[in-house]
Amino acid sequence: MPNETNFLDITLLGKEYRVACPPEERAALLNAAAYVDGKMRDIAEKTKSNLAERIAVMAALNIAHEHLCANQDAPAKDQKIESEITLDSDAFRRRISHMETELEAVLKPE
């Protein structure tokens, strides 16, 4: 099936999460999870915090800041590259939104 949804288990700060992930995005999601986990571990170590939610928010802000600074520093070479980046960013935002929904469902108190 072309739109078949698979699930992938990722680990962030020692906690396992199951997220929906199409097979063709598996490697990219694993790389993203490893990057986020590294950021979260750095923050936890630097702040000596063990509050996962606080660490996750700080990591998200740091990653967003890196992303926005990188976009401001890189001049647009031509319209085609810029539109491709926009499409990738839109897909990335949709993917994050979907992952947030999945995480909220898993973490929702009973």
PDB file of N, CA and C in Angstrom:
ATOM      1  N   MET A   1       0.829  -1.188   0.000  1.00  0.00           N
ATOM      2  CA  MET A   1       0.000   0.000   0.000  1.00  0.00           C
ATOM      3  C   MET A   1       0.871   1.248   0.000  1.00  0.00           C
ATOM      4  N   PRO A   2       0.595   2.235  -0.855  1.00  0.00           N
ATOM      5  CA  PRO A   2       1.438   3.420  -0.929  1.00  0.00           C
ATOM      6  C   PRO A   2       1.383   4.285   0.329  1.00  0.00           C
ATOM      7  N   ASN A   3       0.238   4.379   0.999  1.00  0.00           N
ATOM      8  CA  ASN A   3       0.106   5.227   2.175  1.00  0.00           C
ATOM      9  C   ASN A   3       0.149   4.431   3.476  1.00  0.00           C
ATOM     10  N   GLU A   4       0.706   3.250   3.427  1.00  0.00           N
ATOM     11  CA  GLU A   4       0.772   2.406   4.612  1.00  0.00           C
ATOM     12  C   GLU A   4       1.614   3.088   5.686  1.00  0.00           C
ATOM     13  N   THR A   5       1.075   3.127   6.902  1.00  0.00           N
ATOM     14  CA  THR A   5       1.785   3.739   8.009  1.00  0.00           C
ATOM     15  C   THR A   5       2.436   2.656   8.843  1.00  0.00           C
ATOM     16  N   ASN A   6       3.705   2.825   9.077  1.00  0.00           N
ATOM     17  CA  ASN A   6       4.437   1.948   9.961  1.00  0.00           C
ATOM     18  C   ASN A   6       4.782   2.730  11.214  1.00  0.00           C
ATOM     19  N   PHE A   7       5.218   2.024  12.207  1.00  0.00           N
ATOM     20  CA  PHE A   7       5.608   2.673  13.440  1.00  0.00           C
ATOM     21  C   PHE A   7       7.083   2.432  13.685  1.00  0.00           C
ATOM     22  N   LEU A   8       7.679   3.374  14.363  1.00  0.00           N
ATOM     23  CA  LEU A   8       9.098   3.310  14.671  1.00  0.00           C
ATOM     24  C   LEU A   8       9.273   3.663  16.136  1.00  0.00           C
ATOM     25  N   ASP A   9      10.059   2.884  16.840  1.00  0.00           N
ATOM     26  CA  ASP A   9      10.370   3.182  18.235  1.00  0.00           C
ATOM     27  C   ASP A   9      11.637   4.012  18.273  1.00  0.00           C
ATOM     28  N   ILE A  10      11.543   5.164  18.941  1.00  0.00           N
ATOM     29  CA  ILE A  10      12.707   6.021  19.114  1.00  0.00           C
ATOM     30  C   ILE A  10      12.923   6.217  20.611  1.00  0.00           C
ATOM     31  N   THR A  11      14.128   6.584  20.982  1.00  0.00           N
ATOM     32  CA  THR A  11      14.435   6.823  22.391  1.00  0.00           C
ATOM     33  C   THR A  11      14.957   8.232  22.541  1.00  0.00           C
ATOM     34  N   LEU A  12      14.327   8.970  23.443  1.00  0.00           N
ATOM     35  CA  LEU A  12      14.748  10.327  23.761  1.00  0.00           C
ATOM     36  C   LEU A  12      14.972  10.409  25.265  1.00  0.00           C
ATOM     37  N   LEU A  13      16.164  10.743  25.638  1.00  0.00           N
ATOM     38  CA  LEU A  13      16.536  10.897  27.045  1.00  0.00           C
ATOM     39  C   LEU A  13      16.186   9.643  27.851  1.00  0.00           C
ATOM     40  N   GLY A  14      16.438   8.486  27.240  1.00  0.00           N
ATOM     41  CA  GLY A  14      16.224   7.217  27.919  1.00  0.00           C
ATOM     42  C   GLY A  14      14.789   6.731  27.946  1.00  0.00           C
ATOM     43  N   LYS A  15      13.894   7.470  27.333  1.00  0.00           N
ATOM     44  CA  LYS A  15      12.486   7.088  27.319  1.00  0.00           C
ATOM     45  C   LYS A  15      12.089   6.712  25.892  1.00  0.00           C
ATOM     46  N   GLU A  16      11.389   5.601  25.744  1.00  0.00           N
ATOM     47  CA  GLU A  16      11.035   5.119  24.414  1.00  0.00           C
ATOM     48  C   GLU A  16       9.670   5.650  23.988  1.00  0.00           C
ATOM     49  N   TYR A  17       9.588   6.020  22.702  1.00  0.00           N
ATOM     50  CA  TYR A  17       8.357   6.526  22.112  1.00  0.00           C
ATOM     51  C   TYR A  17       8.102   5.777  20.816  1.00  0.00           C
ATOM     52  N   ARG A  18       6.867   5.486  20.542  1.00  0.00           N
ATOM     53  CA  ARG A  18       6.477   4.880  19.270  1.00  0.00           C
ATOM     54  C   ARG A  18       5.796   5.970  18.448  1.00  0.00           C
ATOM     55  N   VAL A  19       6.319   6.183  17.246  1.00  0.00           N
ATOM     56  CA  VAL A  19       5.770   7.217  16.372  1.00  0.00           C
ATOM     57  C   VAL A  19       5.442   6.623  15.013  1.00  0.00           C
ATOM     58  N   ALA A  20       4.441   7.198  14.376  1.00  0.00           N
ATOM     59  CA  ALA A  20       4.091   6.781  13.018  1.00  0.00           C
ATOM     60  C   ALA A  20       5.180   7.271  12.078  1.00  0.00           C
ATOM     61  N   CYS A  21       5.568   6.411  11.141  1.00  0.00           N
ATOM     62  CA  CYS A  21       6.646   6.779  10.238  1.00  0.00           C
ATOM     63  C   CYS A  21       6.569   5.956   8.962  1.00  0.00           C
ATOM     64  N   PRO A  22       6.377   6.621   7.818  1.00  0.00           N
ATOM     65  CA  PRO A  22       6.411   5.880   6.552  1.00  0.00           C
ATOM     66  C   PRO A  22       7.803   5.272   6.358  1.00  0.00           C
ATOM     67  N   PRO A  23       7.878   4.133   5.711  1.00  0.00           N
ATOM     68  CA  PRO A  23       9.176   3.452   5.539  1.00  0.00           C
ATOM     69  C   PRO A  23      10.243   4.334   4.892  1.00  0.00           C
ATOM     70  N   GLU A  24       9.852   5.164   3.943  1.00  0.00           N
ATOM     71  CA  GLU A  24      10.840   5.987   3.248  1.00  0.00           C
ATOM     72  C   GLU A  24      11.396   7.123   4.118  1.00  0.00           C
ATOM     73  N   GLU A  25      10.780   7.381   5.261  1.00  0.00           N
ATOM     74  CA  GLU A  25      11.253   8.444   6.151  1.00  0.00           C
ATOM     75  C   GLU A  25      11.958   7.890   7.391  1.00  0.00           C
ATOM     76  N   ARG A  26      12.091   6.575   7.465  1.00  0.00           N
ATOM     77  CA  ARG A  26      12.662   5.917   8.648  1.00  0.00           C
ATOM     78  C   ARG A  26      14.065   6.435   8.991  1.00  0.00           C
ATOM     79  N   ALA A  27      14.958   6.453   8.029  1.00  0.00           N
ATOM     80  CA  ALA A  27      16.337   6.884   8.285  1.00  0.00           C
ATOM     81  C   ALA A  27      16.380   8.346   8.736  1.00  0.00           C
ATOM     82  N   ALA A  28      15.599   9.183   8.092  1.00  0.00           N
ATOM     83  CA  ALA A  28      15.580  10.603   8.446  1.00  0.00           C
ATOM     84  C   ALA A  28      15.047  10.794   9.865  1.00  0.00           C
ATOM     85  N   LEU A  29      14.014  10.043  10.223  1.00  0.00           N
ATOM     86  CA  LEU A  29      13.457  10.171  11.571  1.00  0.00           C
ATOM     87  C   LEU A  29      14.446   9.666  12.619  1.00  0.00           C
ATOM     88  N   LEU A  30      15.143   8.575  12.325  1.00  0.00           N
ATOM     89  CA  LEU A  30      16.151   8.073  13.266  1.00  0.00           C
ATOM     90  C   LEU A  30      17.268   9.094  13.455  1.00  0.00           C
ATOM     91  N   ASN A  31      17.689   9.742  12.376  1.00  0.00           N
ATOM     92  CA  ASN A  31      18.705  10.791  12.481  1.00  0.00           C
ATOM     93  C   ASN A  31      18.201  11.969  13.296  1.00  0.00           C
ATOM     94  N   ALA A  32      16.959  12.374  13.056  1.00  0.00           N
ATOM     95  CA  ALA A  32      16.373  13.485  13.810  1.00  0.00           C
ATOM     96  C   ALA A  32      16.269  13.130  15.289  1.00  0.00           C
ATOM     97  N   ALA A  33      15.842  11.908  15.587  1.00  0.00           N
ATOM     98  CA  ALA A  33      15.715  11.473  16.978  1.00  0.00           C
ATOM     99  C   ALA A  33      17.076  11.468  17.669  1.00  0.00           C
ATOM    100  N   ALA A  34      18.099  11.010  16.974  1.00  0.00           N
ATOM    101  CA  ALA A  34      19.451  11.000  17.550  1.00  0.00           C
ATOM    102  C   ALA A  34      19.932  12.419  17.821  1.00  0.00           C
ATOM    103  N   TYR A  35      19.627  13.330  16.910  1.00  0.00           N
ATOM    104  CA  TYR A  35      20.022  14.721  17.081  1.00  0.00           C
ATOM    105  C   TYR A  35      19.305  15.337  18.282  1.00  0.00           C
ATOM    106  N   VAL A  36      17.985  15.136  18.356  1.00  0.00           N
ATOM    107  CA  VAL A  36      17.193  15.683  19.467  1.00  0.00           C
ATOM    108  C   VAL A  36      17.655  15.066  20.791  1.00  0.00           C
ATOM    109  N   ASP A  37      17.893  13.768  20.801  1.00  0.00           N
ATOM    110  CA  ASP A  37      18.358  13.101  22.018  1.00  0.00           C
ATOM    111  C   ASP A  37      19.685  13.704  22.479  1.00  0.00           C
ATOM    112  N   GLY A  38      20.584  13.943  21.552  1.00  0.00           N
ATOM    113  CA  GLY A  38      21.863  14.560  21.907  1.00  0.00           C
ATOM    114  C   GLY A  38      21.686  15.940  22.504  1.00  0.00           C
ATOM    115  N   LYS A  39      20.822  16.736  21.899  1.00  0.00           N
ATOM    116  CA  LYS A  39      20.539  18.078  22.434  1.00  0.00           C
ATOM    117  C   LYS A  39      19.940  17.991  23.837  1.00  0.00           C
ATOM    118  N   MET A  40      18.994  17.065  24.010  1.00  0.00           N
ATOM    119  CA  MET A  40      18.349  16.918  25.315  1.00  0.00           C
ATOM    120  C   MET A  40      19.359  16.490  26.376  1.00  0.00           C
ATOM    121  N   ARG A  41      20.248  15.581  26.027  1.00  0.00           N
ATOM    122  CA  ARG A  41      21.269  15.121  26.973  1.00  0.00           C
ATOM    123  C   ARG A  41      22.235  16.250  27.334  1.00  0.00           C
ATOM    124  N   ASP A  42      22.618  17.047  26.344  1.00  0.00           N
ATOM    125  CA  ASP A  42      23.489  18.200  26.619  1.00  0.00           C
ATOM    126  C   ASP A  42      22.820  19.163  27.588  1.00  0.00           C
ATOM    127  N   ILE A  43      21.562  19.458  27.344  1.00  0.00           N
ATOM    128  CA  ILE A  43      20.828  20.389  28.210  1.00  0.00           C
ATOM    129  C   ILE A  43      20.668  19.815  29.610  1.00  0.00           C
ATOM    130  N   ALA A  44      20.323  18.543  29.700  1.00  0.00           N
ATOM    131  CA  ALA A  44      20.157  17.908  31.011  1.00  0.00           C
ATOM    132  C   ALA A  44      21.455  17.971  31.802  1.00  0.00           C
ATOM    133  N   GLU A  45      22.561  17.744  31.115  1.00  0.00           N
ATOM    134  CA  GLU A  45      23.863  17.773  31.789  1.00  0.00           C
ATOM    135  C   GLU A  45      24.230  19.189  32.230  1.00  0.00           C
ATOM    136  N   LYS A  46      24.016  20.153  31.343  1.00  0.00           N
ATOM    137  CA  LYS A  46      24.385  21.536  31.652  1.00  0.00           C
ATOM    138  C   LYS A  46      23.509  22.146  32.740  1.00  0.00           C
ATOM    139  N   THR A  47      22.218  21.821  32.717  1.00  0.00           N
ATOM    140  CA  THR A  47      21.287  22.428  33.678  1.00  0.00           C
ATOM    141  C   THR A  47      21.106  21.589  34.930  1.00  0.00           C
ATOM    142  N   LYS A  48      21.608  20.368  34.907  1.00  0.00           N
ATOM    143  CA  LYS A  48      21.431  19.424  36.017  1.00  0.00           C
ATOM    144  C   LYS A  48      19.950  19.189  36.298  1.00  0.00           C
ATOM    145  N   SER A  49      19.135  19.336  35.265  1.00  0.00           N
ATOM    146  CA  SER A  49      17.698  19.136  35.389  1.00  0.00           C
ATOM    147  C   SER A  49      17.346  17.705  35.017  1.00  0.00           C
ATOM    148  N   ASN A  50      16.310  17.179  35.689  1.00  0.00           N
ATOM    149  CA  ASN A  50      15.817  15.856  35.333  1.00  0.00           C
ATOM    150  C   ASN A  50      14.345  15.912  34.930  1.00  0.00           C
ATOM    151  N   LEU A  51      13.838  17.116  34.696  1.00  0.00           N
ATOM    152  CA  LEU A  51      12.455  17.295  34.265  1.00  0.00           C
ATOM    153  C   LEU A  51      12.403  17.193  32.742  1.00  0.00           C
ATOM    154  N   ALA A  52      11.938  16.048  32.260  1.00  0.00           N
ATOM    155  CA  ALA A  52      11.958  15.764  30.826  1.00  0.00           C
ATOM    156  C   ALA A  52      11.213  16.821  30.010  1.00  0.00           C
ATOM    157  N   GLU A  53      10.086  17.283  30.505  1.00  0.00           N
ATOM    158  CA  GLU A  53       9.310  18.281  29.754  1.00  0.00           C
ATOM    159  C   GLU A  53      10.092  19.578  29.592  1.00  0.00           C
ATOM    160  N   ARG A  54      10.724  20.012  30.640  1.00  0.00           N
ATOM    161  CA  ARG A  54      11.520  21.251  30.583  1.00  0.00           C
ATOM    162  C   ARG A  54      12.702  21.071  29.625  1.00  0.00           C
ATOM    163  N   ILE A  55      13.364  19.941  29.716  1.00  0.00           N
ATOM    164  CA  ILE A  55      14.497  19.655  28.839  1.00  0.00           C
ATOM    165  C   ILE A  55      14.037  19.618  27.377  1.00  0.00           C
ATOM    166  N   ALA A  56      12.890  18.996  27.122  1.00  0.00           N
ATOM    167  CA  ALA A  56      12.368  18.899  25.756  1.00  0.00           C
ATOM    168  C   ALA A  56      12.045  20.280  25.187  1.00  0.00           C
ATOM    169  N   VAL A  57      11.432  21.138  26.003  1.00  0.00           N
ATOM    170  CA  VAL A  57      11.090  22.489  25.543  1.00  0.00           C
ATOM    171  C   VAL A  57      12.364  23.274  25.247  1.00  0.00           C
ATOM    172  N   MET A  58      13.346  23.177  26.122  1.00  0.00           N
ATOM    173  CA  MET A  58      14.602  23.900  25.900  1.00  0.00           C
ATOM    174  C   MET A  58      15.316  23.381  24.657  1.00  0.00           C
ATOM    175  N   ALA A  59      15.301  22.074  24.449  1.00  0.00           N
ATOM    176  CA  ALA A  59      15.921  21.498  23.250  1.00  0.00           C
ATOM    177  C   ALA A  59      15.192  21.981  22.004  1.00  0.00           C
ATOM    178  N   ALA A  60      13.869  21.990  22.042  1.00  0.00           N
ATOM    179  CA  ALA A  60      13.089  22.455  20.891  1.00  0.00           C
ATOM    180  C   ALA A  60      13.419  23.909  20.565  1.00  0.00           C
ATOM    181  N   LEU A  61      13.517  24.738  21.580  1.00  0.00           N
ATOM    182  CA  LEU A  61      13.853  26.146  21.347  1.00  0.00           C
ATOM    183  C   LEU A  61      15.261  26.294  20.769  1.00  0.00           C
ATOM    184  N   ASN A  62      16.202  25.540  21.294  1.00  0.00           N
ATOM    185  CA  ASN A  62      17.572  25.601  20.777  1.00  0.00           C
ATOM    186  C   ASN A  62      17.645  25.149  19.323  1.00  0.00           C
ATOM    187  N   ILE A  63      16.953  24.069  19.002  1.00  0.00           N
ATOM    188  CA  ILE A  63      16.970  23.552  17.627  1.00  0.00           C
ATOM    189  C   ILE A  63      16.285  24.536  16.682  1.00  0.00           C
ATOM    190  N   ALA A  64      15.161  25.119  17.120  1.00  0.00           N
ATOM    191  CA  ALA A  64      14.471  26.114  16.297  1.00  0.00           C
ATOM    192  C   ALA A  64      15.376  27.330  16.065  1.00  0.00           C
ATOM    193  N   HIS A  65      16.067  27.754  17.098  1.00  0.00           N
ATOM    194  CA  HIS A  65      16.981  28.892  16.972  1.00  0.00           C
ATOM    195  C   HIS A  65      18.097  28.578  15.980  1.00  0.00           C
ATOM    196  N   GLU A  66      18.691  27.392  16.076  1.00  0.00           N
ATOM    197  CA  GLU A  66      19.728  26.980  15.121  1.00  0.00           C
ATOM    198  C   GLU A  66      19.190  27.016  13.688  1.00  0.00           C
ATOM    199  N   HIS A  67      18.007  26.464  13.522  1.00  0.00           N
ATOM    200  CA  HIS A  67      17.385  26.399  12.193  1.00  0.00           C
ATOM    201  C   HIS A  67      17.137  27.800  11.631  1.00  0.00           C
ATOM    202  N   LEU A  68      16.572  28.672  12.452  1.00  0.00           N
ATOM    203  CA  LEU A  68      16.270  30.021  11.984  1.00  0.00           C
ATOM    204  C   LEU A  68      17.536  30.815  11.687  1.00  0.00           C
ATOM    205  N   CYS A  69      18.557  30.651  12.505  1.00  0.00           N
ATOM    206  CA  CYS A  69      19.822  31.353  12.253  1.00  0.00           C
ATOM    207  C   CYS A  69      20.478  30.844  10.978  1.00  0.00           C
ATOM    208  N   ALA A  70      20.427  29.548  10.767  1.00  0.00           N
ATOM    209  CA  ALA A  70      21.020  28.971   9.553  1.00  0.00           C
ATOM    210  C   ALA A  70      20.311  29.496   8.315  1.00  0.00           C
ATOM    211  N   ASN A  71      18.992  29.626   8.385  1.00  0.00           N
ATOM    212  CA  ASN A  71      18.232  30.140   7.238  1.00  0.00           C
ATOM    213  C   ASN A  71      18.534  31.602   6.970  1.00  0.00           C
ATOM    214  N   GLN A  72      18.784  32.387   8.016  1.00  0.00           N
ATOM    215  CA  GLN A  72      19.089  33.805   7.835  1.00  0.00           C
ATOM    216  C   GLN A  72      20.486  33.997   7.277  1.00  0.00           C
ATOM    217  N   ASP A  73      21.411  33.115   7.661  1.00  0.00           N
ATOM    218  CA  ASP A  73      22.798  33.250   7.224  1.00  0.00           C
ATOM    219  C   ASP A  73      23.017  32.766   5.794  1.00  0.00           C
ATOM    220  N   ALA A  74      22.182  31.855   5.337  1.00  0.00           N
ATOM    221  CA  ALA A  74      22.363  31.289   3.990  1.00  0.00           C
ATOM    222  C   ALA A  74      21.601  32.126   2.969  1.00  0.00           C
ATOM    223  N   PRO A  75      22.309  32.823   2.066  1.00  0.00           N
ATOM    224  CA  PRO A  75      21.601  33.617   1.054  1.00  0.00           C
ATOM    225  C   PRO A  75      20.897  32.712   0.048  1.00  0.00           C
ATOM    226  N   ALA A  76      19.759  33.161  -0.427  1.00  0.00           N
ATOM    227  CA  ALA A  76      19.005  32.386  -1.425  1.00  0.00           C
ATOM    228  C   ALA A  76      19.723  32.494  -2.759  1.00  0.00           C
ATOM    229  N   LYS A  77      20.086  31.321  -3.327  1.00  0.00           N
ATOM    230  CA  LYS A  77      20.814  31.310  -4.602  1.00  0.00           C
ATOM    231  C   LYS A  77      19.877  31.524  -5.774  1.00  0.00           C
ATOM    232  N   ASP A  78      18.724  30.877  -5.731  1.00  0.00           N
ATOM    233  CA  ASP A  78      17.736  31.106  -6.774  1.00  0.00           C
ATOM    234  C   ASP A  78      16.370  30.683  -6.262  1.00  0.00           C
ATOM    235  N   GLN A  79      15.333  31.065  -6.977  1.00  0.00           N
ATOM    236  CA  GLN A  79      13.957  30.815  -6.544  1.00  0.00           C
ATOM    237  C   GLN A  79      13.652  29.330  -6.420  1.00  0.00           C
ATOM    238  N   LYS A  80      14.212  28.499  -7.292  1.00  0.00           N
ATOM    239  CA  LYS A  80      13.931  27.068  -7.267  1.00  0.00           C
ATOM    240  C   LYS A  80      14.402  26.450  -5.957  1.00  0.00           C
ATOM    241  N   ILE A  81      15.613  26.754  -5.525  1.00  0.00           N
ATOM    242  CA  ILE A  81      16.128  26.214  -4.273  1.00  0.00           C
ATOM    243  C   ILE A  81      15.258  26.691  -3.118  1.00  0.00           C
ATOM    244  N   GLU A  82      14.887  27.953  -3.135  1.00  0.00           N
ATOM    245  CA  GLU A  82      14.061  28.501  -2.070  1.00  0.00           C
ATOM    246  C   GLU A  82      12.714  27.787  -1.985  1.00  0.00           C
ATOM    247  N   SER A  83      12.082  27.515  -3.125  1.00  0.00           N
ATOM    248  CA  SER A  83      10.790  26.836  -3.099  1.00  0.00           C
ATOM    249  C   SER A  83      10.937  25.396  -2.639  1.00  0.00           C
ATOM    250  N   GLU A  84      12.037  24.736  -2.962  1.00  0.00           N
ATOM    251  CA  GLU A  84      12.266  23.372  -2.488  1.00  0.00           C
ATOM    252  C   GLU A  84      12.423  23.352  -0.972  1.00  0.00           C
ATOM    253  N   ILE A  85      13.132  24.336  -0.431  1.00  0.00           N
ATOM    254  CA  ILE A  85      13.302  24.432   1.017  1.00  0.00           C
ATOM    255  C   ILE A  85      11.951  24.650   1.680  1.00  0.00           C
ATOM    256  N   THR A  86      11.116  25.502   1.102  1.00  0.00           N
ATOM    257  CA  THR A  86       9.793  25.755   1.652  1.00  0.00           C
ATOM    258  C   THR A  86       8.969  24.474   1.671  1.00  0.00           C
ATOM    259  N   LEU A  87       8.992  23.710   0.584  1.00  0.00           N
ATOM    260  CA  LEU A  87       8.251  22.457   0.546  1.00  0.00           C
ATOM    261  C   LEU A  87       8.760  21.488   1.603  1.00  0.00           C
ATOM    262  N   ASP A  88      10.074  21.378   1.743  1.00  0.00           N
ATOM    263  CA  ASP A  88      10.642  20.494   2.752  1.00  0.00           C
ATOM    264  C   ASP A  88      10.265  20.968   4.148  1.00  0.00           C
ATOM    265  N   SER A  89      10.279  22.268   4.377  1.00  0.00           N
ATOM    266  CA  SER A  89       9.908  22.805   5.683  1.00  0.00           C
ATOM    267  C   SER A  89       8.448  22.516   5.991  1.00  0.00           C
ATOM    268  N   ASP A  90       7.588  22.653   4.996  1.00  0.00           N
ATOM    269  CA  ASP A  90       6.172  22.364   5.198  1.00  0.00           C
ATOM    270  C   ASP A  90       5.965  20.897   5.544  1.00  0.00           C
ATOM    271  N   ALA A  91       6.639  20.023   4.842  1.00  0.00           N
ATOM    272  CA  ALA A  91       6.526  18.586   5.128  1.00  0.00           C
ATOM    273  C   ALA A  91       7.065  18.287   6.516  1.00  0.00           C
ATOM    274  N   PHE A  92       8.153  18.945   6.866  1.00  0.00           N
ATOM    275  CA  PHE A  92       8.743  18.748   8.189  1.00  0.00           C
ATOM    276  C   PHE A  92       7.783  19.211   9.287  1.00  0.00           C
ATOM    277  N   ARG A  93       7.150  20.355   9.078  1.00  0.00           N
ATOM    278  CA  ARG A  93       6.188  20.862  10.067  1.00  0.00           C
ATOM    279  C   ARG A  93       4.994  19.915  10.225  1.00  0.00           C
ATOM    280  N   ARG A  94       4.506  19.389   9.086  1.00  0.00           N
ATOM    281  CA  ARG A  94       3.402  18.424   9.161  1.00  0.00           C
ATOM    282  C   ARG A  94       3.838  17.181   9.922  1.00  0.00           C
ATOM    283  N   ARG A  95       5.031  16.724   9.665  1.00  0.00           N
ATOM    284  CA  ARG A  95       5.551  15.523  10.335  1.00  0.00           C
ATOM    285  C   ARG A  95       5.672  15.759  11.837  1.00  0.00           C
ATOM    286  N   ILE A  96       6.182  16.916  12.228  1.00  0.00           N
ATOM    287  CA  ILE A  96       6.313  17.247  13.653  1.00  0.00           C
ATOM    288  C   ILE A  96       4.938  17.324  14.300  1.00  0.00           C
ATOM    289  N   SER A  97       3.993  17.954  13.614  1.00  0.00           N
ATOM    290  CA  SER A  97       2.638  18.051  14.148  1.00  0.00           C
ATOM    291  C   SER A  97       2.046  16.666  14.369  1.00  0.00           C
ATOM    292  N   HIS A  98       2.251  15.785  13.399  1.00  0.00           N
ATOM    293  CA  HIS A  98       1.748  14.415  13.525  1.00  0.00           C
ATOM    294  C   HIS A  98       2.425  13.697  14.694  1.00  0.00           C
ATOM    295  N   MET A  99       3.720  13.898  14.837  1.00  0.00           N
ATOM    296  CA  MET A  99       4.452  13.263  15.937  1.00  0.00           C
ATOM    297  C   MET A  99       3.965  13.800  17.286  1.00  0.00           C
ATOM    298  N   GLU A 100       3.698  15.098  17.365  1.00  0.00           N
ATOM    299  CA  GLU A 100       3.187  15.683  18.603  1.00  0.00           C
ATOM    300  C   GLU A 100       1.846  15.067  18.977  1.00  0.00           C
ATOM    301  N   THR A 101       0.981  14.876  17.986  1.00  0.00           N
ATOM    302  CA  THR A 101      -0.322  14.263  18.228  1.00  0.00           C
ATOM    303  C   THR A 101      -0.149  12.850  18.764  1.00  0.00           C
ATOM    304  N   GLU A 102       0.748  12.096  18.139  1.00  0.00           N
ATOM    305  CA  GLU A 102       1.017  10.730  18.589  1.00  0.00           C
ATOM    306  C   GLU A 102       1.570  10.721  20.009  1.00  0.00           C
ATOM    307  N   LEU A 103       2.513  11.629  20.297  1.00  0.00           N
ATOM    308  CA  LEU A 103       3.098  11.694  21.633  1.00  0.00           C
ATOM    309  C   LEU A 103       2.057  12.082  22.677  1.00  0.00           C
ATOM    310  N   GLU A 104       1.208  13.037  22.358  1.00  0.00           N
ATOM    311  CA  GLU A 104       0.167  13.456  23.288  1.00  0.00           C
ATOM    312  C   GLU A 104      -0.768  12.281  23.596  1.00  0.00           C
ATOM    313  N   ALA A 105      -1.086  11.493  22.586  1.00  0.00           N
ATOM    314  CA  ALA A 105      -1.956  10.340  22.811  1.00  0.00           C
ATOM    315  C   ALA A 105      -1.299   9.323  23.730  1.00  0.00           C
ATOM    316  N   VAL A 106       0.002   9.120  23.567  1.00  0.00           N
ATOM    317  CA  VAL A 106       0.717   8.156  24.388  1.00  0.00           C
ATOM    318  C   VAL A 106       0.905   8.669  25.816  1.00  0.00           C
ATOM    319  N   LEU A 107       1.190   9.958  25.936  1.00  0.00           N
ATOM    320  CA  LEU A 107       1.492  10.538  27.253  1.00  0.00           C
ATOM    321  C   LEU A 107       0.268  11.012  27.995  1.00  0.00           C
ATOM    322  N   LYS A 108      -0.880  10.976  27.363  1.00  0.00           N
ATOM    323  CA  LYS A 108      -2.118  11.483  27.955  1.00  0.00           C
ATOM    324  C   LYS A 108      -2.429  10.715  29.245  1.00  0.00           C
ATOM    325  N   PRO A 109      -2.615  11.453  30.358  1.00  0.00           N
ATOM    326  CA  PRO A 109      -2.936  10.768  31.613  1.00  0.00           C
ATOM    327  C   PRO A 109      -4.293  10.095  31.526  1.00  0.00           C
ATOM    328  N   GLU A 110      -4.352   8.933  32.116  1.00  0.00           N
ATOM    329  CA  GLU A 110      -5.597   8.161  32.051  1.00  0.00           C
ATOM    330  C   GLU A 110      -6.554   8.574  33.136  1.00  0.00           C
TER     331      GLU A 110
END
